[in-house]
């Protein structure tokens, strides 16, 4: 992960370097915004989602910064079963990509 992060930052910096010759003010604003960006701990983020969307997430919360072990076989199995459930619901309700246009996300 660290290698991926370093590679991302290296490429981003290279793009910003090249862009600074064309739009130096835009690059300056982007860098300032990034330096002011705020990282939110996972538990605070989940609480914000609960307040925003009005329901409690049932997933157990873990303390920020801890790593939880996951069995890949179990995760893939759960994904496949949830995908089948969603596909059945879509077929049963006759939903397609257009139904998202009518969704009210503010509720």
PDB file of N, CA and C in Angstrom:
ATOM      1  N   UNK A   1       0.824  -1.191   0.000  1.00  0.00           N
ATOM      2  CA  UNK A   1       0.000   0.000   0.000  1.00  0.00           C
ATOM      3  C   UNK A   1       0.870   1.256   0.000  1.00  0.00           C
ATOM      4  N   UNK A   2       1.951   1.199   0.774  1.00  0.00           N
ATOM      5  CA  UNK A   2       2.828   2.364   0.820  1.00  0.00           C
ATOM      6  C   UNK A   2       3.435   2.635  -0.550  1.00  0.00           C
ATOM      7  N   UNK A   3       3.808   1.562  -1.262  1.00  0.00           N
ATOM      8  CA  UNK A   3       4.361   1.731  -2.600  1.00  0.00           C
ATOM      9  C   UNK A   3       3.333   2.360  -3.539  1.00  0.00           C
ATOM     10  N   UNK A   4       2.092   1.901  -3.426  1.00  0.00           N
ATOM     11  CA  UNK A   4       1.038   2.477  -4.276  1.00  0.00           C
ATOM     12  C   UNK A   4       0.828   3.942  -3.954  1.00  0.00           C
ATOM     13  N   UNK A   5       0.822   4.269  -2.667  1.00  0.00           N
ATOM     14  CA  UNK A   5       0.653   5.667  -2.252  1.00  0.00           C
ATOM     15  C   UNK A   5       1.799   6.541  -2.761  1.00  0.00           C
ATOM     16  N   UNK A   6       3.018   6.020  -2.640  1.00  0.00           N
ATOM     17  CA  UNK A   6       4.173   6.776  -3.125  1.00  0.00           C
ATOM     18  C   UNK A   6       4.122   6.966  -4.635  1.00  0.00           C
ATOM     19  N   UNK A   7       3.723   5.923  -5.349  1.00  0.00           N
ATOM     20  CA  UNK A   7       3.617   6.028  -6.808  1.00  0.00           C
ATOM     21  C   UNK A   7       2.533   7.034  -7.203  1.00  0.00           C
ATOM     22  N   UNK A   8       1.402   7.003  -6.499  1.00  0.00           N
ATOM     23  CA  UNK A   8       0.330   7.955  -6.761  1.00  0.00           C
ATOM     24  C   UNK A   8       0.823   9.390  -6.547  1.00  0.00           C
ATOM     25  N   UNK A   9       1.491   9.610  -5.413  1.00  0.00           N
ATOM     26  CA  UNK A   9       1.981  10.955  -5.111  1.00  0.00           C
ATOM     27  C   UNK A   9       3.021  11.407  -6.124  1.00  0.00           C
ATOM     28  N   UNK A  10       3.885  10.493  -6.542  1.00  0.00           N
ATOM     29  CA  UNK A  10       4.898  10.839  -7.539  1.00  0.00           C
ATOM     30  C   UNK A  10       4.247  11.249  -8.854  1.00  0.00           C
ATOM     31  N   UNK A  11       3.264  10.465  -9.296  1.00  0.00           N
ATOM     32  CA  UNK A  11       2.574  10.803 -10.554  1.00  0.00           C
ATOM     33  C   UNK A  11       1.775  12.093 -10.423  1.00  0.00           C
ATOM     34  N   UNK A  12       1.105  12.261  -9.283  1.00  0.00           N
ATOM     35  CA  UNK A  12       0.339  13.489  -9.057  1.00  0.00           C
ATOM     36  C   UNK A  12       1.254  14.708  -9.092  1.00  0.00           C
ATOM     37  N   UNK A  13       2.390  14.600  -8.425  1.00  0.00           N
ATOM     38  CA  UNK A  13       3.334  15.716  -8.400  1.00  0.00           C
ATOM     39  C   UNK A  13       3.859  16.023  -9.800  1.00  0.00           C
ATOM     40  N   UNK A  14       4.077  14.990 -10.599  1.00  0.00           N
ATOM     41  CA  UNK A  14       4.548  15.188 -11.966  1.00  0.00           C
ATOM     42  C   UNK A  14       3.493  15.908 -12.812  1.00  0.00           C
ATOM     43  N   UNK A  15       2.238  15.501 -12.663  1.00  0.00           N
ATOM     44  CA  UNK A  15       1.151  16.157 -13.393  1.00  0.00           C
ATOM     45  C   UNK A  15       1.025  17.607 -12.947  1.00  0.00           C
ATOM     46  N   UNK A  16       1.101  17.842 -11.648  1.00  0.00           N
ATOM     47  CA  UNK A  16       1.026  19.212 -11.146  1.00  0.00           C
ATOM     48  C   UNK A  16       2.190  20.055 -11.653  1.00  0.00           C
ATOM     49  N   UNK A  17       3.366  19.451 -11.728  1.00  0.00           N
ATOM     50  CA  UNK A  17       4.532  20.168 -12.238  1.00  0.00           C
ATOM     51  C   UNK A  17       4.292  20.625 -13.674  1.00  0.00           C
ATOM     52  N   UNK A  18       3.816  19.699 -14.515  1.00  0.00           N
ATOM     53  CA  UNK A  18       3.551  20.046 -15.912  1.00  0.00           C
ATOM     54  C   UNK A  18       2.413  21.065 -16.019  1.00  0.00           C
ATOM     55  N   UNK A  19       1.379  20.900 -15.206  1.00  0.00           N
ATOM     56  CA  UNK A  19       0.241  21.818 -15.242  1.00  0.00           C
ATOM     57  C   UNK A  19       0.621  23.209 -14.750  1.00  0.00           C
ATOM     58  N   UNK A  20       1.632  23.288 -13.905  1.00  0.00           N
ATOM     59  CA  UNK A  20       2.023  24.591 -13.363  1.00  0.00           C
ATOM     60  C   UNK A  20       2.562  25.526 -14.446  1.00  0.00           C
ATOM     61  N   UNK A  21       3.021  24.987 -15.569  1.00  0.00           N
ATOM     62  CA  UNK A  21       3.478  25.829 -16.674  1.00  0.00           C
ATOM     63  C   UNK A  21       2.303  26.438 -17.431  1.00  0.00           C
ATOM     64  N   UNK A  22       1.155  25.742 -17.403  1.00  0.00           N
ATOM     65  CA  UNK A  22      -0.023  26.198 -18.141  1.00  0.00           C
ATOM     66  C   UNK A  22      -0.938  27.018 -17.242  1.00  0.00           C
ATOM     67  N   UNK A  23      -1.241  26.506 -16.051  1.00  0.00           N
ATOM     68  CA  UNK A  23      -2.162  27.149 -15.105  1.00  0.00           C
ATOM     69  C   UNK A  23      -1.554  27.176 -13.702  1.00  0.00           C
ATOM     70  N   UNK A  24      -0.574  28.035 -13.474  1.00  0.00           N
ATOM     71  CA  UNK A  24       0.083  28.031 -12.162  1.00  0.00           C
ATOM     72  C   UNK A  24      -0.856  28.381 -11.002  1.00  0.00           C
ATOM     73  N   UNK A  25      -1.823  29.269 -11.233  1.00  0.00           N
ATOM     74  CA  UNK A  25      -2.754  29.641 -10.158  1.00  0.00           C
ATOM     75  C   UNK A  25      -3.647  28.471  -9.774  1.00  0.00           C
ATOM     76  N   UNK A  26      -4.100  27.705 -10.764  1.00  0.00           N
ATOM     77  CA  UNK A  26      -4.957  26.554 -10.478  1.00  0.00           C
ATOM     78  C   UNK A  26      -4.197  25.512  -9.665  1.00  0.00           C
ATOM     79  N   UNK A  27      -2.953  25.258 -10.038  1.00  0.00           N
ATOM     80  CA  UNK A  27      -2.144  24.289  -9.300  1.00  0.00           C
ATOM     81  C   UNK A  27      -1.915  24.772  -7.875  1.00  0.00           C
ATOM     82  N   UNK A  28      -1.672  26.066  -7.722  1.00  0.00           N
ATOM     83  CA  UNK A  28      -1.466  26.635  -6.383  1.00  0.00           C
ATOM     84  C   UNK A  28      -2.710  26.439  -5.516  1.00  0.00           C
ATOM     85  N   UNK A  29      -3.897  26.686  -6.090  1.00  0.00           N
ATOM     86  CA  UNK A  29      -5.150  26.514  -5.345  1.00  0.00           C
ATOM     87  C   UNK A  29      -5.378  25.055  -4.974  1.00  0.00           C
ATOM     88  N   UNK A  30      -5.066  24.146  -5.894  1.00  0.00           N
ATOM     89  CA  UNK A  30      -5.238  22.716  -5.618  1.00  0.00           C
ATOM     90  C   UNK A  30      -4.335  22.296  -4.471  1.00  0.00           C
ATOM     91  N   UNK A  31      -3.089  22.732  -4.504  1.00  0.00           N
ATOM     92  CA  UNK A  31      -2.146  22.370  -3.440  1.00  0.00           C
ATOM     93  C   UNK A  31      -2.575  22.962  -2.101  1.00  0.00           C
ATOM     94  N   UNK A  32      -3.084  24.186  -2.101  1.00  0.00           N
ATOM     95  CA  UNK A  32      -3.561  24.798  -0.857  1.00  0.00           C
ATOM     96  C   UNK A  32      -4.757  24.033  -0.302  1.00  0.00           C
ATOM     97  N   UNK A  33      -5.671  23.647  -1.198  1.00  0.00           N
ATOM     98  CA  UNK A  33      -6.851  22.896  -0.756  1.00  0.00           C
ATOM     99  C   UNK A  33      -6.436  21.550  -0.173  1.00  0.00           C
ATOM    100  N   UNK A  34      -5.457  20.895  -0.780  1.00  0.00           N
ATOM    101  CA  UNK A  34      -4.989  19.609  -0.277  1.00  0.00           C
ATOM    102  C   UNK A  34      -4.342  19.769   1.094  1.00  0.00           C
ATOM    103  N   UNK A  35      -3.598  20.835   1.296  1.00  0.00           N
ATOM    104  CA  UNK A  35      -2.942  21.034   2.590  1.00  0.00           C
ATOM    105  C   UNK A  35      -3.961  21.346   3.687  1.00  0.00           C
ATOM    106  N   UNK A  36      -5.101  21.913   3.300  1.00  0.00           N
ATOM    107  CA  UNK A  36      -6.145  22.233   4.279  1.00  0.00           C
ATOM    108  C   UNK A  36      -7.129  21.084   4.482  1.00  0.00           C
ATOM    109  N   UNK A  37      -6.999  20.039   3.663  1.00  0.00           N
ATOM    110  CA  UNK A  37      -7.938  18.918   3.744  1.00  0.00           C
ATOM    111  C   UNK A  37      -7.886  18.291   5.133  1.00  0.00           C
ATOM    112  N   UNK A  38      -9.028  17.836   5.574  1.00  0.00           N
ATOM    113  CA  UNK A  38      -9.165  17.279   6.907  1.00  0.00           C
ATOM    114  C   UNK A  38      -9.428  15.787   6.802  1.00  0.00           C
ATOM    115  N   UNK A  39      -8.647  14.998   7.500  1.00  0.00           N
ATOM    116  CA  UNK A  39      -8.909  13.566   7.549  1.00  0.00           C
ATOM    117  C   UNK A  39      -9.821  13.289   8.734  1.00  0.00           C
ATOM    118  N   UNK A  40     -10.889  12.556   8.479  1.00  0.00           N
ATOM    119  CA  UNK A  40     -11.870  12.258   9.513  1.00  0.00           C
ATOM    120  C   UNK A  40     -11.706  10.805   9.934  1.00  0.00           C
ATOM    121  N   UNK A  41     -11.601  10.521  11.226  1.00  0.00           N
ATOM    122  CA  UNK A  41     -11.523   9.134  11.683  1.00  0.00           C
ATOM    123  C   UNK A  41     -12.768   8.355  11.262  1.00  0.00           C
ATOM    124  N   UNK A  42     -12.608   7.058  11.067  1.00  0.00           N
ATOM    125  CA  UNK A  42     -13.693   6.218  10.557  1.00  0.00           C
ATOM    126  C   UNK A  42     -14.948   6.274  11.424  1.00  0.00           C
ATOM    127  N   UNK A  43     -14.786   6.262  12.741  1.00  0.00           N
ATOM    128  CA  UNK A  43     -15.960   6.271  13.611  1.00  0.00           C
ATOM    129  C   UNK A  43     -16.731   7.590  13.506  1.00  0.00           C
ATOM    130  N   UNK A  44     -16.012   8.713  13.379  1.00  0.00           N
ATOM    131  CA  UNK A  44     -16.682  10.002  13.212  1.00  0.00           C
ATOM    132  C   UNK A  44     -17.377  10.081  11.850  1.00  0.00           C
ATOM    133  N   UNK A  45     -16.757   9.504  10.836  1.00  0.00           N
ATOM    134  CA  UNK A  45     -17.360   9.487   9.509  1.00  0.00           C
ATOM    135  C   UNK A  45     -18.679   8.704   9.524  1.00  0.00           C
ATOM    136  N   UNK A  46     -18.675   7.539  10.182  1.00  0.00           N
ATOM    137  CA  UNK A  46     -19.888   6.719  10.269  1.00  0.00           C
ATOM    138  C   UNK A  46     -20.987   7.459  11.025  1.00  0.00           C
ATOM    139  N   UNK A  47     -20.627   8.165  12.114  1.00  0.00           N
ATOM    140  CA  UNK A  47     -21.627   8.944  12.852  1.00  0.00           C
ATOM    141  C   UNK A  47     -22.219  10.053  11.987  1.00  0.00           C
ATOM    142  N   UNK A  48     -21.384  10.678  11.166  1.00  0.00           N
ATOM    143  CA  UNK A  48     -21.869  11.716  10.255  1.00  0.00           C
ATOM    144  C   UNK A  48     -22.851  11.156   9.249  1.00  0.00           C
ATOM    145  N   UNK A  49     -22.557   9.957   8.739  1.00  0.00           N
ATOM    146  CA  UNK A  49     -23.491   9.316   7.807  1.00  0.00           C
ATOM    147  C   UNK A  49     -24.812   9.006   8.481  1.00  0.00           C
ATOM    148  N   UNK A  50     -24.738   8.521   9.715  1.00  0.00           N
ATOM    149  CA  UNK A  50     -25.965   8.212  10.452  1.00  0.00           C
ATOM    150  C   UNK A  50     -26.814   9.463  10.650  1.00  0.00           C
ATOM    151  N   UNK A  51     -26.169  10.576  11.013  1.00  0.00           N
ATOM    152  CA  UNK A  51     -26.920  11.826  11.205  1.00  0.00           C
ATOM    153  C   UNK A  51     -27.511  12.309   9.880  1.00  0.00           C
ATOM    154  N   UNK A  52     -26.736  12.174   8.809  1.00  0.00           N
ATOM    155  CA  UNK A  52     -27.170  12.699   7.505  1.00  0.00           C
ATOM    156  C   UNK A  52     -28.320  11.895   6.926  1.00  0.00           C
ATOM    157  N   UNK A  53     -28.212  10.568   6.987  1.00  0.00           N
ATOM    158  CA  UNK A  53     -29.201   9.728   6.316  1.00  0.00           C
ATOM    159  C   UNK A  53     -30.230   9.140   7.265  1.00  0.00           C
ATOM    160  N   UNK A  54     -30.089   9.381   8.550  1.00  0.00           N
ATOM    161  CA  UNK A  54     -31.140   9.054   9.497  1.00  0.00           C
ATOM    162  C   UNK A  54     -31.311   7.600   9.862  1.00  0.00           C
ATOM    163  N   UNK A  55     -30.340   6.772   9.650  1.00  0.00           N
ATOM    164  CA  UNK A  55     -30.465   5.400  10.133  1.00  0.00           C
ATOM    165  C   UNK A  55     -29.116   4.916  10.640  1.00  0.00           C
ATOM    166  N   UNK A  56     -29.174   3.895  11.462  1.00  0.00           N
ATOM    167  CA  UNK A  56     -27.977   3.379  12.106  1.00  0.00           C
ATOM    168  C   UNK A  56     -27.398   2.256  11.242  1.00  0.00           C
ATOM    169  N   UNK A  57     -26.100   2.306  11.050  1.00  0.00           N
ATOM    170  CA  UNK A  57     -25.433   1.236  10.327  1.00  0.00           C
ATOM    171  C   UNK A  57     -25.158   0.100  11.303  1.00  0.00           C
ATOM    172  N   UNK A  58     -25.473  -1.115  10.885  1.00  0.00           N
ATOM    173  CA  UNK A  58     -25.357  -2.263  11.767  1.00  0.00           C
ATOM    174  C   UNK A  58     -23.947  -2.837  11.840  1.00  0.00           C
ATOM    175  N   UNK A  59     -23.071  -2.401  10.978  1.00  0.00           N
ATOM    176  CA  UNK A  59     -21.710  -2.936  10.995  1.00  0.00           C
ATOM    177  C   UNK A  59     -21.031  -2.521  12.292  1.00  0.00           C
ATOM    178  N   UNK A  60     -20.345  -3.461  12.931  1.00  0.00           N
ATOM    179  CA  UNK A  60     -19.659  -3.097  14.180  1.00  0.00           C
ATOM    180  C   UNK A  60     -18.537  -2.110  13.898  1.00  0.00           C
ATOM    181  N   UNK A  61     -18.425  -1.135  14.747  1.00  0.00           N
ATOM    182  CA  UNK A  61     -17.377  -0.136  14.580  1.00  0.00           C
ATOM    183  C   UNK A  61     -16.103  -0.637  15.218  1.00  0.00           C
ATOM    184  N   UNK A  62     -15.006  -0.301  14.592  1.00  0.00           N
ATOM    185  CA  UNK A  62     -13.716  -0.651  15.168  1.00  0.00           C
ATOM    186  C   UNK A  62     -12.988   0.645  15.494  1.00  0.00           C
ATOM    187  N   UNK A  63     -12.108   0.620  16.461  1.00  0.00           N
ATOM    188  CA  UNK A  63     -11.358   1.836  16.791  1.00  0.00           C
ATOM    189  C   UNK A  63     -10.548   2.296  15.582  1.00  0.00           C
ATOM    190  N   UNK A  64     -10.394   3.589  15.434  1.00  0.00           N
ATOM    191  CA  UNK A  64      -9.653   4.138  14.305  1.00  0.00           C
ATOM    192  C   UNK A  64      -8.230   3.599  14.288  1.00  0.00           C
ATOM    193  N   UNK A  65      -7.784   3.292  13.088  1.00  0.00           N
ATOM    194  CA  UNK A  65      -6.401   2.877  12.914  1.00  0.00           C
ATOM    195  C   UNK A  65      -6.142   1.398  13.104  1.00  0.00           C
ATOM    196  N   UNK A  66      -7.156   0.602  13.460  1.00  0.00           N
ATOM    197  CA  UNK A  66      -6.912  -0.825  13.628  1.00  0.00           C
ATOM    198  C   UNK A  66      -7.216  -1.563  12.331  1.00  0.00           C
ATOM    199  N   UNK A  67      -6.563  -2.681  12.161  1.00  0.00           N
ATOM    200  CA  UNK A  67      -6.751  -3.494  10.964  1.00  0.00           C
ATOM    201  C   UNK A  67      -7.510  -4.747  11.358  1.00  0.00           C
ATOM    202  N   UNK A  68      -8.504  -5.070  10.569  1.00  0.00           N
ATOM    203  CA  UNK A  68      -9.330  -6.233  10.856  1.00  0.00           C
ATOM    204  C   UNK A  68      -9.064  -7.298   9.805  1.00  0.00           C
ATOM    205  N   UNK A  69      -8.859  -8.515  10.230  1.00  0.00           N
ATOM    206  CA  UNK A  69      -8.577  -9.611   9.306  1.00  0.00           C
ATOM    207  C   UNK A  69      -9.875 -10.063   8.636  1.00  0.00           C
ATOM    208  N   UNK A  70      -9.795 -10.313   7.335  1.00  0.00           N
ATOM    209  CA  UNK A  70     -10.966 -10.748   6.576  1.00  0.00           C
ATOM    210  C   UNK A  70     -10.597 -11.996   5.797  1.00  0.00           C
ATOM    211  N   UNK A  71     -11.479 -12.994   5.848  1.00  0.00           N
ATOM    212  CA  UNK A  71     -11.283 -14.203   5.067  1.00  0.00           C
ATOM    213  C   UNK A  71     -11.776 -13.924   3.648  1.00  0.00           C
ATOM    214  N   UNK A  72     -10.890 -13.925   2.648  1.00  0.00           N
ATOM    215  CA  UNK A  72     -11.298 -13.587   1.283  1.00  0.00           C
ATOM    216  C   UNK A  72     -12.391 -14.505   0.730  1.00  0.00           C
ATOM    217  N   UNK A  73     -12.333 -15.788   1.060  1.00  0.00           N
ATOM    218  CA  UNK A  73     -13.344 -16.732   0.575  1.00  0.00           C
ATOM    219  C   UNK A  73     -14.723 -16.359   1.109  1.00  0.00           C
ATOM    220  N   UNK A  74     -14.793 -16.017   2.388  1.00  0.00           N
ATOM    221  CA  UNK A  74     -16.067 -15.622   2.996  1.00  0.00           C
ATOM    222  C   UNK A  74     -16.567 -14.303   2.401  1.00  0.00           C
ATOM    223  N   UNK A  75     -15.668 -13.365   2.190  1.00  0.00           N
ATOM    224  CA  UNK A  75     -16.054 -12.069   1.620  1.00  0.00           C
ATOM    225  C   UNK A  75     -16.608 -12.243   0.210  1.00  0.00           C
ATOM    226  N   UNK A  76     -15.956 -13.065  -0.599  1.00  0.00           N
ATOM    227  CA  UNK A  76     -16.430 -13.307  -1.971  1.00  0.00           C
ATOM    228  C   UNK A  76     -17.777 -14.003  -1.947  1.00  0.00           C
ATOM    229  N   UNK A  77     -17.941 -14.962  -1.040  1.00  0.00           N
ATOM    230  CA  UNK A  77     -19.218 -15.674  -0.918  1.00  0.00           C
ATOM    231  C   UNK A  77     -20.344 -14.714  -0.540  1.00  0.00           C
ATOM    232  N   UNK A  78     -20.083 -13.828   0.434  1.00  0.00           N
ATOM    233  CA  UNK A  78     -21.097 -12.853   0.841  1.00  0.00           C
ATOM    234  C   UNK A  78     -21.424 -11.895  -0.304  1.00  0.00           C
ATOM    235  N   UNK A  79     -20.400 -11.500  -1.053  1.00  0.00           N
ATOM    236  CA  UNK A  79     -20.621 -10.611  -2.189  1.00  0.00           C
ATOM    237  C   UNK A  79     -21.513 -11.279  -3.225  1.00  0.00           C
ATOM    238  N   UNK A  80     -21.210 -12.524  -3.550  1.00  0.00           N
ATOM    239  CA  UNK A  80     -21.999 -13.228  -4.562  1.00  0.00           C
ATOM    240  C   UNK A  80     -23.449 -13.403  -4.118  1.00  0.00           C
ATOM    241  N   UNK A  81     -23.654 -13.742  -2.834  1.00  0.00           N
ATOM    242  CA  UNK A  81     -25.028 -13.938  -2.372  1.00  0.00           C
ATOM    243  C   UNK A  81     -25.789 -12.611  -2.354  1.00  0.00           C
ATOM    244  N   UNK A  82     -25.120 -11.522  -1.962  1.00  0.00           N
ATOM    245  CA  UNK A  82     -25.808 -10.228  -1.966  1.00  0.00           C
ATOM    246  C   UNK A  82     -26.082  -9.768  -3.392  1.00  0.00           C
ATOM    247  N   UNK A  83     -25.180 -10.063  -4.315  1.00  0.00           N
ATOM    248  CA  UNK A  83     -25.390  -9.709  -5.717  1.00  0.00           C
ATOM    249  C   UNK A  83     -26.602 -10.451  -6.276  1.00  0.00           C
ATOM    250  N   UNK A  84     -26.715 -11.749  -5.943  1.00  0.00           N
ATOM    251  CA  UNK A  84     -27.872 -12.527  -6.411  1.00  0.00           C
ATOM    252  C   UNK A  84     -29.165 -11.953  -5.847  1.00  0.00           C
ATOM    253  N   UNK A  85     -29.146 -11.568  -4.545  1.00  0.00           N
ATOM    254  CA  UNK A  85     -30.327 -10.990  -3.916  1.00  0.00           C
ATOM    255  C   UNK A  85     -30.735  -9.700  -4.629  1.00  0.00           C
ATOM    256  N   UNK A  86     -29.770  -8.835  -4.884  1.00  0.00           N
ATOM    257  CA  UNK A  86     -30.055  -7.562  -5.547  1.00  0.00           C
ATOM    258  C   UNK A  86     -30.605  -7.807  -6.943  1.00  0.00           C
ATOM    259  N   UNK A  87     -30.013  -8.736  -7.671  1.00  0.00           N
ATOM    260  CA  UNK A  87     -30.501  -9.038  -9.022  1.00  0.00           C
ATOM    261  C   UNK A  87     -31.939  -9.552  -8.988  1.00  0.00           C
ATOM    262  N   UNK A  88     -32.262 -10.399  -7.996  1.00  0.00           N
ATOM    263  CA  UNK A  88     -33.635 -10.899  -7.867  1.00  0.00           C
ATOM    264  C   UNK A  88     -34.594  -9.747  -7.564  1.00  0.00           C
ATOM    265  N   UNK A  89     -34.191  -8.841  -6.671  1.00  0.00           N
ATOM    266  CA  UNK A  89     -35.035  -7.698  -6.331  1.00  0.00           C
ATOM    267  C   UNK A  89     -35.244  -6.788  -7.543  1.00  0.00           C
ATOM    268  N   UNK A  90     -34.202  -6.593  -8.317  1.00  0.00           N
ATOM    269  CA  UNK A  90     -34.317  -5.758  -9.517  1.00  0.00           C
ATOM    270  C   UNK A  90     -35.290  -6.387 -10.491  1.00  0.00           C
ATOM    271  N   UNK A  91     -35.168  -7.711 -10.693  1.00  0.00           N
ATOM    272  CA  UNK A  91     -36.091  -8.405 -11.591  1.00  0.00           C
ATOM    273  C   UNK A  91     -37.514  -8.362 -11.054  1.00  0.00           C
ATOM    274  N   UNK A  92     -37.665  -8.573  -9.731  1.00  0.00           N
ATOM    275  CA  UNK A  92     -38.993  -8.602  -9.114  1.00  0.00           C
ATOM    276  C   UNK A  92     -39.679  -7.238  -9.206  1.00  0.00           C
ATOM    277  N   UNK A  93     -38.930  -6.175  -8.977  1.00  0.00           N
ATOM    278  CA  UNK A  93     -39.515  -4.843  -8.986  1.00  0.00           C
ATOM    279  C   UNK A  93     -39.484  -4.190 -10.357  1.00  0.00           C
ATOM    280  N   UNK A  94     -38.807  -4.829 -11.312  1.00  0.00           N
ATOM    281  CA  UNK A  94     -38.728  -4.250 -12.651  1.00  0.00           C
ATOM    282  C   UNK A  94     -37.872  -2.999 -12.703  1.00  0.00           C
ATOM    283  N   UNK A  95     -36.827  -2.950 -11.886  1.00  0.00           N
ATOM    284  CA  UNK A  95     -35.984  -1.769 -11.837  1.00  0.00           C
ATOM    285  C   UNK A  95     -34.898  -1.833 -12.906  1.00  0.00           C
ATOM    286  N   UNK A  96     -34.467  -0.687 -13.330  1.00  0.00           N
ATOM    287  CA  UNK A  96     -33.327  -0.590 -14.232  1.00  0.00           C
ATOM    288  C   UNK A  96     -32.567   0.687 -13.874  1.00  0.00           C
ATOM    289  N   UNK A  97     -31.619   1.064 -14.690  1.00  0.00           N
ATOM    290  CA  UNK A  97     -30.808   2.234 -14.352  1.00  0.00           C
ATOM    291  C   UNK A  97     -31.656   3.503 -14.260  1.00  0.00           C
ATOM    292  N   UNK A  98     -32.792   3.554 -14.913  1.00  0.00           N
ATOM    293  CA  UNK A  98     -33.611   4.765 -14.905  1.00  0.00           C
ATOM    294  C   UNK A  98     -34.284   5.015 -13.550  1.00  0.00           C
ATOM    295  N   UNK A  99     -34.501   3.941 -12.765  1.00  0.00           N
ATOM    296  CA  UNK A  99     -35.180   4.153 -11.487  1.00  0.00           C
ATOM    297  C   UNK A  99     -34.344   5.011 -10.548  1.00  0.00           C
ATOM    298  N   UNK A 100     -33.028   5.080 -10.743  1.00  0.00           N
ATOM    299  CA  UNK A 100     -32.193   5.916  -9.897  1.00  0.00           C
ATOM    300  C   UNK A 100     -32.467   7.392 -10.143  1.00  0.00           C
ATOM    301  N   UNK A 101     -32.918   7.715 -11.345  1.00  0.00           N
ATOM    302  CA  UNK A 101     -33.232   9.112 -11.641  1.00  0.00           C
ATOM    303  C   UNK A 101     -34.403   9.615 -10.803  1.00  0.00           C
ATOM    304  N   UNK A 102     -35.289   8.700 -10.421  1.00  0.00           N
ATOM    305  CA  UNK A 102     -36.453   9.077  -9.644  1.00  0.00           C
ATOM    306  C   UNK A 102     -36.231   8.931  -8.141  1.00  0.00           C
ATOM    307  N   UNK A 103     -35.044   8.463  -7.741  1.00  0.00           N
ATOM    308  CA  UNK A 103     -34.763   8.272  -6.319  1.00  0.00           C
ATOM    309  C   UNK A 103     -34.591   9.603  -5.622  1.00  0.00           C
ATOM    310  N   UNK A 104     -35.170   9.688  -4.430  1.00  0.00           N
ATOM    311  CA  UNK A 104     -35.007  10.880  -3.620  1.00  0.00           C
ATOM    312  C   UNK A 104     -33.973  10.585  -2.547  1.00  0.00           C
ATOM    313  N   UNK A 105     -32.737  11.013  -2.743  1.00  0.00           N
ATOM    314  CA  UNK A 105     -31.655  10.708  -1.826  1.00  0.00           C
ATOM    315  C   UNK A 105     -31.711  11.529  -0.559  1.00  0.00           C
ATOM    316  N   UNK A 106     -32.563  12.520  -0.500  1.00  0.00           N
ATOM    317  CA  UNK A 106     -32.653  13.363   0.682  1.00  0.00           C
ATOM    318  C   UNK A 106     -33.450  12.733   1.803  1.00  0.00           C
ATOM    319  N   UNK A 107     -34.191  11.678   1.531  1.00  0.00           N
ATOM    320  CA  UNK A 107     -35.028  11.063   2.566  1.00  0.00           C
ATOM    321  C   UNK A 107     -34.207  10.308   3.561  1.00  0.00           C
TER     322      UNK A 107
END
